[in-house]
Amino acid sequence: MQRICVIGGSRYFGKLLVKRLQDAGHRVTVINRGSTPPPAGVEHLVVDRNDETALTAALGSRTFDVVVDQVCYTPVQADIAARAFAGRTRRYVMTSTIEVYDPATAALPAVPPGTPVPEENVDPAGWLAVTDLPWHDDAYLRARYAEGKRQAEAVLARAGGFVFASVRSAHVLGGGAREFTGRLAHYVGRISRGEEVTVHAKALPTVFIHYEELAELLRWAATADFTGPVNACSDGPLDVRDLGAVIAAQAGREPVYRAVGAGEEASPFSFDRHYAMSNARAKGLGFSFSHTADWLPGAVAEALSAEPSPTT
């Protein structure tokens, strides 16, 4: 049994992570701002993780074996966490994202088209982190989400007060109405209603993961001993038309696609650049992934059932 702190844990895969840690016999503390209570039997610290003084006071004399940080988006947040948890935890695991590999957001090493991107393409230990930028501004952060995650990893990788690992998640699907991004619902709604879907003329594949699989991988990462980043994605990349075909098979309507024009924004999951991840490192460390085809039809069915009934 270990003492594990989960920062965030209010998203649907975060709640499931907390439950699985509990079921495995670990003592769990959840830190959030109080908007969502954790399951029964979990210690709950209500505090804003951006307020270093309040966070340190709330932690008191507590120590942990592992911290799993689900809501670290900026180098400023990472810097606060590094100071607050130095000497309080042996291991720190941060939930990161596939978007750290997006070549549209940074000058990254080129990867041959069709080659899954490995973790070393973005080395957090060598990435520049700049904390005196307006990371507190929501619009600034939204425009720099990928860079914020890269720099947050960089700060924690160099912190030195604990061993650090990051889980770079693929696009998370599943959960029906609970799916927090709404991206699958976007496709399910438009295709089921016969509405137009805007895509790139030559859309490239990306990778996905079911929220239950991500929760299980985070549970595994919390109690493993590897360091550095691991990519988290199911086997079986899909492009936007592959995704549309799975939806069409259940919705009973063929997708209506339109290629985007110059400067026009495509629908989510339509990409004109390659950065589908490799999951080889996590497999080599002992984690077994599902195939996207194993769970995507069920995720689509959940999303269809969550669609509002048409008015008459």
C-alpha atoms as a PDB file:
ATOM      1  CA  MET A   1       0.000   0.000   0.000  1.00  0.00           C
ATOM      2  CA  GLN A   2       1.245   3.467  -0.893  1.00  0.00           C
ATOM      3  CA  ARG A   3       0.198   6.980   0.019  1.00  0.00           C
ATOM      4  CA  ILE A   4      -0.763   8.674  -3.271  1.00  0.00           C
ATOM      5  CA  CYS A   5      -1.787  12.282  -3.905  1.00  0.00           C
ATOM      6  CA  VAL A   6      -3.860  13.088  -7.003  1.00  0.00           C
ATOM      7  CA  ILE A   7      -3.944  16.759  -8.025  1.00  0.00           C
ATOM      8  CA  GLY A   8      -7.138  17.362  -9.957  1.00  0.00           C
ATOM      9  CA  GLY A   9      -8.935  14.063 -10.366  1.00  0.00           C
ATOM     10  CA  SER A  10     -12.297  15.642 -11.242  1.00  0.00           C
ATOM     11  CA  ARG A  11     -12.329  14.691 -14.940  1.00  0.00           C
ATOM     12  CA  TYR A  12     -13.921  11.409 -15.780  1.00  0.00           C
ATOM     13  CA  PHE A  13     -10.670   9.457 -16.208  1.00  0.00           C
ATOM     14  CA  GLY A  14      -9.309  11.185 -13.081  1.00  0.00           C
ATOM     15  CA  LYS A  15     -12.237   9.982 -11.007  1.00  0.00           C
ATOM     16  CA  LEU A  16     -11.718   6.487 -12.337  1.00  0.00           C
ATOM     17  CA  LEU A  17      -8.000   6.677 -11.516  1.00  0.00           C
ATOM     18  CA  VAL A  18      -8.797   7.591  -7.900  1.00  0.00           C
ATOM     19  CA  LYS A  19     -11.265   4.688  -7.651  1.00  0.00           C
ATOM     20  CA  ARG A  20      -8.753   2.206  -9.069  1.00  0.00           C
ATOM     21  CA  LEU A  21      -6.052   3.400  -6.691  1.00  0.00           C
ATOM     22  CA  GLN A  22      -8.491   2.922  -3.823  1.00  0.00           C
ATOM     23  CA  ASP A  23      -9.467  -0.544  -5.029  1.00  0.00           C
ATOM     24  CA  ALA A  24      -5.782  -1.492  -5.141  1.00  0.00           C
ATOM     25  CA  GLY A  25      -5.517  -0.640  -1.446  1.00  0.00           C
ATOM     26  CA  HIS A  26      -3.657   2.675  -1.673  1.00  0.00           C
ATOM     27  CA  ARG A  27      -4.358   5.620   0.626  1.00  0.00           C
ATOM     28  CA  VAL A  28      -5.452   8.473  -1.630  1.00  0.00           C
ATOM     29  CA  THR A  29      -5.500  12.227  -1.094  1.00  0.00           C
ATOM     30  CA  VAL A  30      -7.186  14.427  -3.720  1.00  0.00           C
ATOM     31  CA  ILE A  31      -6.302  18.103  -4.140  1.00  0.00           C
ATOM     32  CA  ASN A  32      -8.700  20.357  -6.039  1.00  0.00           C
ATOM     33  CA  ARG A  33     -10.615  23.595  -5.632  1.00  0.00           C
ATOM     34  CA  GLY A  34     -13.673  21.846  -4.241  1.00  0.00           C
ATOM     35  CA  SER A  35     -15.954  21.887  -7.256  1.00  0.00           C
ATOM     36  CA  THR A  36     -16.131  18.090  -7.371  1.00  0.00           C
ATOM     37  CA  PRO A  37     -15.926  15.943  -4.225  1.00  0.00           C
ATOM     38  CA  PRO A  38     -13.847  12.743  -4.426  1.00  0.00           C
ATOM     39  CA  PRO A  39     -15.222   9.262  -3.665  1.00  0.00           C
ATOM     40  CA  ALA A  40     -15.936   8.260  -0.086  1.00  0.00           C
ATOM     41  CA  GLY A  41     -12.860   7.245   1.871  1.00  0.00           C
ATOM     42  CA  VAL A  42     -10.533   9.679   0.074  1.00  0.00           C
ATOM     43  CA  GLU A  43      -8.845  12.521   1.924  1.00  0.00           C
ATOM     44  CA  HIS A  44      -9.835  15.803   0.271  1.00  0.00           C
ATOM     45  CA  LEU A  45      -7.754  18.981   0.441  1.00  0.00           C
ATOM     46  CA  VAL A  46      -9.607  21.977  -0.997  1.00  0.00           C
ATOM     47  CA  VAL A  47      -7.024  24.470  -2.263  1.00  0.00           C
ATOM     48  CA  ASP A  48      -6.032  26.329  -5.423  1.00  0.00           C
ATOM     49  CA  ARG A  49      -2.822  24.674  -6.656  1.00  0.00           C
ATOM     50  CA  ASN A  50      -1.808  28.036  -8.174  1.00  0.00           C
ATOM     51  CA  ASP A  51      -1.547  29.603  -4.699  1.00  0.00           C
ATOM     52  CA  GLU A  52       1.788  28.367  -3.370  1.00  0.00           C
ATOM     53  CA  THR A  53       1.296  29.684   0.163  1.00  0.00           C
ATOM     54  CA  ALA A  54      -2.155  28.105   0.460  1.00  0.00           C
ATOM     55  CA  LEU A  55      -0.977  24.842  -1.094  1.00  0.00           C
ATOM     56  CA  THR A  56       1.956  24.537   1.299  1.00  0.00           C
ATOM     57  CA  ALA A  57      -0.292  25.321   4.256  1.00  0.00           C
ATOM     58  CA  ALA A  58      -2.905  22.756   3.152  1.00  0.00           C
ATOM     59  CA  LEU A  59      -0.264  20.053   2.781  1.00  0.00           C
ATOM     60  CA  GLY A  60       0.966  20.659   6.327  1.00  0.00           C
ATOM     61  CA  SER A  61       3.261  17.841   7.382  1.00  0.00           C
ATOM     62  CA  ARG A  62       1.875  15.305   4.870  1.00  0.00           C
ATOM     63  CA  THR A  63       4.219  13.188   2.782  1.00  0.00           C
ATOM     64  CA  PHE A  64       3.437  10.892  -0.116  1.00  0.00           C
ATOM     65  CA  ASP A  65       4.978   8.028  -1.992  1.00  0.00           C
ATOM     66  CA  VAL A  66       3.624   9.349  -5.293  1.00  0.00           C
ATOM     67  CA  VAL A  67       1.964  12.492  -6.639  1.00  0.00           C
ATOM     68  CA  VAL A  68      -0.112  12.214  -9.838  1.00  0.00           C
ATOM     69  CA  ASP A  69      -0.661  15.691 -11.294  1.00  0.00           C
ATOM     70  CA  GLN A  70      -3.613  15.747 -13.680  1.00  0.00           C
ATOM     71  CA  VAL A  71      -3.924  19.505 -14.111  1.00  0.00           C
ATOM     72  CA  CYS A  72      -0.455  20.943 -14.689  1.00  0.00           C
ATOM     73  CA  TYR A  73      -0.565  23.158 -17.779  1.00  0.00           C
ATOM     74  CA  THR A  74       2.218  25.721 -17.363  1.00  0.00           C
ATOM     75  CA  PRO A  75       5.818  26.044 -16.164  1.00  0.00           C
ATOM     76  CA  VAL A  76       4.563  28.363 -13.415  1.00  0.00           C
ATOM     77  CA  GLN A  77       2.274  25.654 -12.034  1.00  0.00           C
ATOM     78  CA  ALA A  78       5.105  23.139 -12.328  1.00  0.00           C
ATOM     79  CA  ASP A  79       7.488  25.476 -10.514  1.00  0.00           C
ATOM     80  CA  ILE A  80       5.041  25.906  -7.627  1.00  0.00           C
ATOM     81  CA  ALA A  81       4.507  22.137  -7.419  1.00  0.00           C
ATOM     82  CA  ALA A  82       8.244  21.426  -7.528  1.00  0.00           C
ATOM     83  CA  ARG A  83       8.808  23.626  -4.482  1.00  0.00           C
ATOM     84  CA  ALA A  84       5.693  22.492  -2.601  1.00  0.00           C
ATOM     85  CA  PHE A  85       6.362  18.762  -3.030  1.00  0.00           C
ATOM     86  CA  ALA A  86      10.156  18.707  -2.806  1.00  0.00           C
ATOM     87  CA  GLY A  87      10.953  16.382   0.083  1.00  0.00           C
ATOM     88  CA  ARG A  88       7.282  15.373   0.393  1.00  0.00           C
ATOM     89  CA  THR A  89       7.162  12.699  -2.314  1.00  0.00           C
ATOM     90  CA  ARG A  90       9.438  10.087  -3.798  1.00  0.00           C
ATOM     91  CA  ARG A  91       7.821  10.118  -7.258  1.00  0.00           C
ATOM     92  CA  TYR A  92       5.950  12.714  -9.338  1.00  0.00           C
ATOM     93  CA  VAL A  93       3.845  11.712 -12.369  1.00  0.00           C
ATOM     94  CA  MET A  94       2.413  14.401 -14.663  1.00  0.00           C
ATOM     95  CA  THR A  95      -0.376  13.858 -17.181  1.00  0.00           C
ATOM     96  CA  SER A  96       0.809  15.382 -20.454  1.00  0.00           C
ATOM     97  CA  THR A  97      -0.425  15.257 -24.045  1.00  0.00           C
ATOM     98  CA  ILE A  98       0.222  14.115 -27.607  1.00  0.00           C
ATOM     99  CA  GLU A  99       0.190  17.790 -28.554  1.00  0.00           C
ATOM    100  CA  VAL A 100       3.751  18.239 -27.282  1.00  0.00           C
ATOM    101  CA  TYR A 101       4.743  16.578 -30.583  1.00  0.00           C
ATOM    102  CA  ASP A 102       2.703  18.879 -32.830  1.00  0.00           C
ATOM    103  CA  PRO A 103       5.209  20.322 -35.340  1.00  0.00           C
ATOM    104  CA  ALA A 104       2.908  23.293 -35.874  1.00  0.00           C
ATOM    105  CA  THR A 105       3.618  24.515 -32.332  1.00  0.00           C
ATOM    106  CA  ALA A 106       7.431  24.243 -32.071  1.00  0.00           C
ATOM    107  CA  ALA A 107      10.593  23.561 -34.051  1.00  0.00           C
ATOM    108  CA  LEU A 108      10.877  19.808 -33.452  1.00  0.00           C
ATOM    109  CA  PRO A 109      13.095  17.130 -35.010  1.00  0.00           C
ATOM    110  CA  ALA A 110      11.584  15.900 -38.262  1.00  0.00           C
ATOM    111  CA  VAL A 111      10.038  12.422 -38.226  1.00  0.00           C
ATOM    112  CA  PRO A 112       9.583  10.513 -41.501  1.00  0.00           C
ATOM    113  CA  PRO A 113       5.920  10.505 -42.579  1.00  0.00           C
ATOM    114  CA  GLY A 114       4.129   7.452 -41.237  1.00  0.00           C
ATOM    115  CA  THR A 115       6.712   6.838 -38.498  1.00  0.00           C
ATOM    116  CA  PRO A 116       5.167   6.854 -35.005  1.00  0.00           C
ATOM    117  CA  VAL A 117       6.770   9.599 -32.919  1.00  0.00           C
ATOM    118  CA  PRO A 118       8.923   8.346 -30.006  1.00  0.00           C
ATOM    119  CA  GLU A 119       9.312  10.060 -26.638  1.00  0.00           C
ATOM    120  CA  GLU A 120      12.826  11.307 -27.339  1.00  0.00           C
ATOM    121  CA  ASN A 121      11.472  13.698 -29.971  1.00  0.00           C
ATOM    122  CA  VAL A 122      10.660  16.029 -27.082  1.00  0.00           C
ATOM    123  CA  ASP A 123      13.217  15.712 -24.282  1.00  0.00           C
ATOM    124  CA  PRO A 124      11.924  17.630 -21.249  1.00  0.00           C
ATOM    125  CA  ALA A 125      15.351  17.693 -19.622  1.00  0.00           C
ATOM    126  CA  GLY A 126      16.650  19.907 -22.415  1.00  0.00           C
ATOM    127  CA  TRP A 127      13.564  22.015 -23.144  1.00  0.00           C
ATOM    128  CA  LEU A 128      13.650  25.732 -22.330  1.00  0.00           C
ATOM    129  CA  ALA A 129      11.159  26.830 -19.669  1.00  0.00           C
ATOM    130  CA  VAL A 130      10.213  30.489 -19.239  1.00  0.00           C
ATOM    131  CA  THR A 131       8.043  31.355 -16.250  1.00  0.00           C
ATOM    132  CA  ASP A 132       7.861  35.147 -16.677  1.00  0.00           C
ATOM    133  CA  LEU A 133       5.303  35.032 -19.481  1.00  0.00           C
ATOM    134  CA  PRO A 134       1.525  35.622 -19.096  1.00  0.00           C
ATOM    135  CA  TRP A 135       0.721  31.961 -18.415  1.00  0.00           C
ATOM    136  CA  HIS A 136      -2.043  33.089 -16.042  1.00  0.00           C
ATOM    137  CA  ASP A 137      -3.964  34.579 -18.976  1.00  0.00           C
ATOM    138  CA  ASP A 138      -6.493  32.037 -20.284  1.00  0.00           C
ATOM    139  CA  ALA A 139      -6.347  33.243 -23.888  1.00  0.00           C
ATOM    140  CA  TYR A 140      -2.542  33.173 -23.886  1.00  0.00           C
ATOM    141  CA  LEU A 141      -2.537  29.639 -22.465  1.00  0.00           C
ATOM    142  CA  ARG A 142      -5.180  28.332 -24.880  1.00  0.00           C
ATOM    143  CA  ALA A 143      -3.056  29.519 -27.795  1.00  0.00           C
ATOM    144  CA  ARG A 144       0.039  27.861 -26.299  1.00  0.00           C
ATOM    145  CA  TYR A 145      -1.387  24.697 -24.742  1.00  0.00           C
ATOM    146  CA  ALA A 146       1.256  22.395 -26.234  1.00  0.00           C
ATOM    147  CA  GLU A 147       4.131  24.694 -25.260  1.00  0.00           C
ATOM    148  CA  GLY A 148       2.753  25.051 -21.748  1.00  0.00           C
ATOM    149  CA  LYS A 149       2.802  21.272 -21.359  1.00  0.00           C
ATOM    150  CA  ARG A 150       6.329  20.989 -22.784  1.00  0.00           C
ATOM    151  CA  GLN A 151       7.626  23.624 -20.399  1.00  0.00           C
ATOM    152  CA  ALA A 152       5.780  22.141 -17.414  1.00  0.00           C
ATOM    153  CA  GLU A 153       7.464  18.796 -18.106  1.00  0.00           C
ATOM    154  CA  ALA A 154      10.809  20.580 -18.402  1.00  0.00           C
ATOM    155  CA  VAL A 155      10.487  22.253 -14.994  1.00  0.00           C
ATOM    156  CA  LEU A 156       9.490  19.046 -13.214  1.00  0.00           C
ATOM    157  CA  ALA A 157      12.140  16.966 -14.998  1.00  0.00           C
ATOM    158  CA  ARG A 158      14.837  19.287 -13.671  1.00  0.00           C
ATOM    159  CA  ALA A 159      13.316  19.912 -10.238  1.00  0.00           C
ATOM    160  CA  GLY A 160      15.478  17.374  -8.434  1.00  0.00           C
ATOM    161  CA  GLY A 161      13.290  16.966  -5.333  1.00  0.00           C
ATOM    162  CA  PHE A 162      11.758  13.694  -6.591  1.00  0.00           C
ATOM    163  CA  VAL A 163      11.957  11.294  -9.533  1.00  0.00           C
ATOM    164  CA  PHE A 164       9.782  12.434 -12.423  1.00  0.00           C
ATOM    165  CA  ALA A 165       7.706  10.691 -15.082  1.00  0.00           C
ATOM    166  CA  SER A 166       5.155  12.006 -17.550  1.00  0.00           C
ATOM    167  CA  VAL A 167       2.314  10.267 -19.369  1.00  0.00           C
ATOM    168  CA  ARG A 168       1.701  11.808 -22.798  1.00  0.00           C
ATOM    169  CA  SER A 169      -1.888  10.949 -23.539  1.00  0.00           C
ATOM    170  CA  ALA A 170      -3.401  10.460 -26.974  1.00  0.00           C
ATOM    171  CA  HIS A 171      -6.826  11.964 -27.707  1.00  0.00           C
ATOM    172  CA  VAL A 172      -9.166  10.602 -25.029  1.00  0.00           C
ATOM    173  CA  LEU A 173     -12.533   9.164 -26.088  1.00  0.00           C
ATOM    174  CA  GLY A 174     -15.362   7.275 -24.421  1.00  0.00           C
ATOM    175  CA  GLY A 175     -17.811   8.004 -21.648  1.00  0.00           C
ATOM    176  CA  GLY A 176     -20.715   9.402 -23.672  1.00  0.00           C
ATOM    177  CA  ALA A 177     -21.911  12.669 -22.169  1.00  0.00           C
ATOM    178  CA  ARG A 178     -18.962  12.622 -19.744  1.00  0.00           C
ATOM    179  CA  GLU A 179     -16.405  13.021 -22.539  1.00  0.00           C
ATOM    180  CA  PHE A 180     -15.010  16.396 -21.551  1.00  0.00           C
ATOM    181  CA  THR A 181     -13.659  17.610 -24.921  1.00  0.00           C
ATOM    182  CA  GLY A 182     -16.912  17.083 -26.848  1.00  0.00           C
ATOM    183  CA  ARG A 183     -14.922  16.188 -29.969  1.00  0.00           C
ATOM    184  CA  LEU A 184     -16.440  12.756 -30.543  1.00  0.00           C
ATOM    185  CA  ALA A 185     -19.879  14.251 -29.883  1.00  0.00           C
ATOM    186  CA  HIS A 186     -19.101  16.843 -32.580  1.00  0.00           C
ATOM    187  CA  TYR A 187     -18.649  14.107 -35.197  1.00  0.00           C
ATOM    188  CA  VAL A 188     -21.474  11.910 -33.964  1.00  0.00           C
ATOM    189  CA  GLY A 189     -23.888  14.838 -33.975  1.00  0.00           C
ATOM    190  CA  ARG A 190     -22.976  16.166 -37.400  1.00  0.00           C
ATOM    191  CA  ILE A 191     -22.854  12.776 -39.109  1.00  0.00           C
ATOM    192  CA  SER A 192     -26.083  11.517 -37.517  1.00  0.00           C
ATOM    193  CA  ARG A 193     -27.865  14.707 -38.590  1.00  0.00           C
ATOM    194  CA  GLY A 194     -26.419  14.626 -42.112  1.00  0.00           C
ATOM    195  CA  GLU A 195     -24.497  17.844 -41.570  1.00  0.00           C
ATOM    196  CA  GLU A 196     -21.273  18.795 -43.304  1.00  0.00           C
ATOM    197  CA  VAL A 197     -17.923  17.916 -41.703  1.00  0.00           C
ATOM    198  CA  THR A 198     -14.911  20.030 -42.681  1.00  0.00           C
ATOM    199  CA  VAL A 199     -11.660  18.074 -43.105  1.00  0.00           C
ATOM    200  CA  HIS A 200      -8.264  18.448 -44.723  1.00  0.00           C
ATOM    201  CA  ALA A 201      -8.067  17.172 -48.279  1.00  0.00           C
ATOM    202  CA  LYS A 202      -5.253  14.822 -47.226  1.00  0.00           C
ATOM    203  CA  ALA A 203      -5.977  14.240 -43.544  1.00  0.00           C
ATOM    204  CA  LEU A 204      -3.270  12.305 -41.704  1.00  0.00           C
ATOM    205  CA  PRO A 205      -3.757   9.680 -38.968  1.00  0.00           C
ATOM    206  CA  THR A 206      -3.638  10.338 -35.260  1.00  0.00           C
ATOM    207  CA  VAL A 207      -3.915   8.111 -32.181  1.00  0.00           C
ATOM    208  CA  PHE A 208      -6.562   7.682 -29.515  1.00  0.00           C
ATOM    209  CA  ILE A 209      -7.047   6.099 -26.103  1.00  0.00           C
ATOM    210  CA  HIS A 210     -10.167   5.091 -24.182  1.00  0.00           C
ATOM    211  CA  TYR A 211     -10.610   6.924 -20.890  1.00  0.00           C
ATOM    212  CA  GLU A 212     -10.651   3.644 -18.937  1.00  0.00           C
ATOM    213  CA  GLU A 213      -7.358   2.595 -20.504  1.00  0.00           C
ATOM    214  CA  LEU A 214      -5.802   5.967 -19.678  1.00  0.00           C
ATOM    215  CA  ALA A 215      -6.929   5.651 -16.055  1.00  0.00           C
ATOM    216  CA  GLU A 216      -5.363   2.198 -15.874  1.00  0.00           C
ATOM    217  CA  LEU A 217      -2.117   3.413 -17.429  1.00  0.00           C
ATOM    218  CA  LEU A 218      -1.909   6.270 -14.930  1.00  0.00           C
ATOM    219  CA  ARG A 219      -2.499   3.811 -12.089  1.00  0.00           C
ATOM    220  CA  TRP A 220       0.314   1.655 -13.476  1.00  0.00           C
ATOM    221  CA  ALA A 221       2.602   4.664 -13.926  1.00  0.00           C
ATOM    222  CA  ALA A 222       1.996   5.784 -10.351  1.00  0.00           C
ATOM    223  CA  THR A 223       3.311   2.542  -8.905  1.00  0.00           C
ATOM    224  CA  ALA A 224       5.989   1.740 -11.527  1.00  0.00           C
ATOM    225  CA  ASP A 225       9.608   2.862 -11.297  1.00  0.00           C
ATOM    226  CA  PHE A 226      10.389   4.224 -14.782  1.00  0.00           C
ATOM    227  CA  THR A 227      11.374   7.849 -15.253  1.00  0.00           C
ATOM    228  CA  GLY A 228      10.874  10.275 -18.123  1.00  0.00           C
ATOM    229  CA  PRO A 229       7.984  10.378 -20.590  1.00  0.00           C
ATOM    230  CA  VAL A 230       5.853   7.505 -21.890  1.00  0.00           C
ATOM    231  CA  ASN A 231       3.339   7.756 -24.714  1.00  0.00           C
ATOM    232  CA  ALA A 232      -0.167   6.487 -23.993  1.00  0.00           C
ATOM    233  CA  CYS A 233      -2.192   5.397 -27.010  1.00  0.00           C
ATOM    234  CA  SER A 234      -4.112   2.369 -28.157  1.00  0.00           C
ATOM    235  CA  ASP A 235      -2.808   0.442 -31.139  1.00  0.00           C
ATOM    236  CA  GLY A 236      -4.360   1.359 -34.483  1.00  0.00           C
ATOM    237  CA  PRO A 237      -4.019   4.972 -35.693  1.00  0.00           C
ATOM    238  CA  LEU A 238      -7.026   6.447 -37.509  1.00  0.00           C
ATOM    239  CA  ASP A 239      -7.524   9.418 -39.771  1.00  0.00           C
ATOM    240  CA  VAL A 240     -10.681  11.512 -39.629  1.00  0.00           C
ATOM    241  CA  ARG A 241     -12.387   9.533 -42.401  1.00  0.00           C
ATOM    242  CA  ASP A 242     -11.679   6.248 -40.596  1.00  0.00           C
ATOM    243  CA  LEU A 243     -13.349   7.713 -37.513  1.00  0.00           C
ATOM    244  CA  GLY A 244     -16.272   8.908 -39.611  1.00  0.00           C
ATOM    245  CA  ALA A 245     -16.748   5.423 -41.087  1.00  0.00           C
ATOM    246  CA  VAL A 246     -17.141   3.885 -37.611  1.00  0.00           C
ATOM    247  CA  ILE A 247     -19.724   6.528 -36.714  1.00  0.00           C
ATOM    248  CA  ALA A 248     -21.555   6.138 -40.032  1.00  0.00           C
ATOM    249  CA  ALA A 249     -21.874   2.391 -39.534  1.00  0.00           C
ATOM    250  CA  GLN A 250     -23.891   2.985 -36.356  1.00  0.00           C
ATOM    251  CA  ALA A 251     -25.636   6.232 -37.263  1.00  0.00           C
ATOM    252  CA  GLY A 252     -26.930   4.808 -40.543  1.00  0.00           C
ATOM    253  CA  ARG A 253     -25.890   7.896 -42.516  1.00  0.00           C
ATOM    254  CA  GLU A 254     -22.919   8.488 -44.762  1.00  0.00           C
ATOM    255  CA  PRO A 255     -20.642  11.376 -43.716  1.00  0.00           C
ATOM    256  CA  VAL A 256     -20.760  14.549 -45.794  1.00  0.00           C
ATOM    257  CA  TYR A 257     -17.190  15.861 -46.033  1.00  0.00           C
ATOM    258  CA  ARG A 258     -15.953  19.170 -47.359  1.00  0.00           C
ATOM    259  CA  ALA A 259     -12.269  19.986 -47.784  1.00  0.00           C
ATOM    260  CA  VAL A 260     -11.239  23.132 -45.933  1.00  0.00           C
ATOM    261  CA  GLY A 261     -10.048  26.142 -47.865  1.00  0.00           C
ATOM    262  CA  ALA A 262      -6.938  28.207 -47.213  1.00  0.00           C
ATOM    263  CA  GLY A 263      -6.997  29.677 -43.715  1.00  0.00           C
ATOM    264  CA  GLU A 264     -10.145  27.764 -42.752  1.00  0.00           C
ATOM    265  CA  GLU A 265     -10.203  25.632 -39.614  1.00  0.00           C
ATOM    266  CA  ALA A 266     -10.898  21.913 -39.994  1.00  0.00           C
ATOM    267  CA  SER A 267     -12.914  19.800 -37.594  1.00  0.00           C
ATOM    268  CA  PRO A 268     -11.087  18.313 -34.585  1.00  0.00           C
ATOM    269  CA  PHE A 269      -9.044  15.161 -35.294  1.00  0.00           C
ATOM    270  CA  SER A 270      -8.449  16.266 -38.894  1.00  0.00           C
ATOM    271  CA  PHE A 271      -4.704  16.938 -39.187  1.00  0.00           C
ATOM    272  CA  ASP A 272      -2.550  18.046 -42.090  1.00  0.00           C
ATOM    273  CA  ARG A 273       0.653  17.134 -40.222  1.00  0.00           C
ATOM    274  CA  HIS A 274       2.030  13.904 -38.840  1.00  0.00           C
ATOM    275  CA  TYR A 275       2.572  13.335 -35.133  1.00  0.00           C
ATOM    276  CA  ALA A 276       0.899  10.025 -34.259  1.00  0.00           C
ATOM    277  CA  MET A 277       2.762   8.605 -31.275  1.00  0.00           C
ATOM    278  CA  SER A 278       4.622   5.338 -30.743  1.00  0.00           C
ATOM    279  CA  ASN A 279       3.611   3.345 -27.641  1.00  0.00           C
ATOM    280  CA  ALA A 280       6.647   1.045 -27.847  1.00  0.00           C
ATOM    281  CA  ARG A 281       8.305   2.358 -24.697  1.00  0.00           C
ATOM    282  CA  ALA A 282       5.285   1.714 -22.464  1.00  0.00           C
ATOM    283  CA  LYS A 283       4.925  -1.769 -23.982  1.00  0.00           C
ATOM    284  CA  GLY A 284       8.595  -2.464 -23.301  1.00  0.00           C
ATOM    285  CA  LEU A 285       8.057  -1.433 -19.680  1.00  0.00           C
ATOM    286  CA  GLY A 286       5.223  -3.936 -19.363  1.00  0.00           C
ATOM    287  CA  PHE A 287       1.957  -2.159 -20.190  1.00  0.00           C
ATOM    288  CA  SER A 288      -0.420  -3.887 -22.622  1.00  0.00           C
ATOM    289  CA  PHE A 289      -2.548  -1.675 -24.850  1.00  0.00           C
ATOM    290  CA  SER A 290      -5.860  -2.447 -26.484  1.00  0.00           C
ATOM    291  CA  HIS A 291      -6.557  -1.839 -30.162  1.00  0.00           C
ATOM    292  CA  THR A 292      -8.705   1.161 -31.073  1.00  0.00           C
ATOM    293  CA  ALA A 293     -11.099  -1.189 -32.893  1.00  0.00           C
ATOM    294  CA  ASP A 294     -11.738  -3.002 -29.587  1.00  0.00           C
ATOM    295  CA  TRP A 295     -13.456  -0.040 -27.951  1.00  0.00           C
ATOM    296  CA  LEU A 296     -14.256   2.683 -30.506  1.00  0.00           C
ATOM    297  CA  PRO A 297     -17.620   1.214 -31.625  1.00  0.00           C
ATOM    298  CA  GLY A 298     -18.738   1.174 -27.978  1.00  0.00           C
ATOM    299  CA  ALA A 299     -17.575   4.749 -27.461  1.00  0.00           C
ATOM    300  CA  VAL A 300     -19.523   5.809 -30.557  1.00  0.00           C
ATOM    301  CA  ALA A 301     -22.620   4.000 -29.290  1.00  0.00           C
ATOM    302  CA  GLU A 302     -22.343   5.867 -25.972  1.00  0.00           C
ATOM    303  CA  ALA A 303     -22.007   9.175 -27.782  1.00  0.00           C
ATOM    304  CA  LEU A 304     -25.014   8.398 -29.991  1.00  0.00           C
ATOM    305  CA  SER A 305     -27.116   7.547 -26.942  1.00  0.00           C
ATOM    306  CA  ALA A 306     -26.127  10.880 -25.374  1.00  0.00           C
ATOM    307  CA  GLU A 307     -27.323  12.840 -28.436  1.00  0.00           C
ATOM    308  CA  PRO A 308     -30.469  14.872 -27.777  1.00  0.00           C
ATOM    309  CA  SER A 309     -33.611  13.451 -29.344  1.00  0.00           C
ATOM    310  CA  PRO A 310     -34.712  15.454 -32.412  1.00  0.00           C
ATOM    311  CA  THR A 311     -37.630  17.780 -31.776  1.00  0.00           C
ATOM    312  CA  THR A 312     -40.812  17.301 -33.720  1.00  0.00           C
END
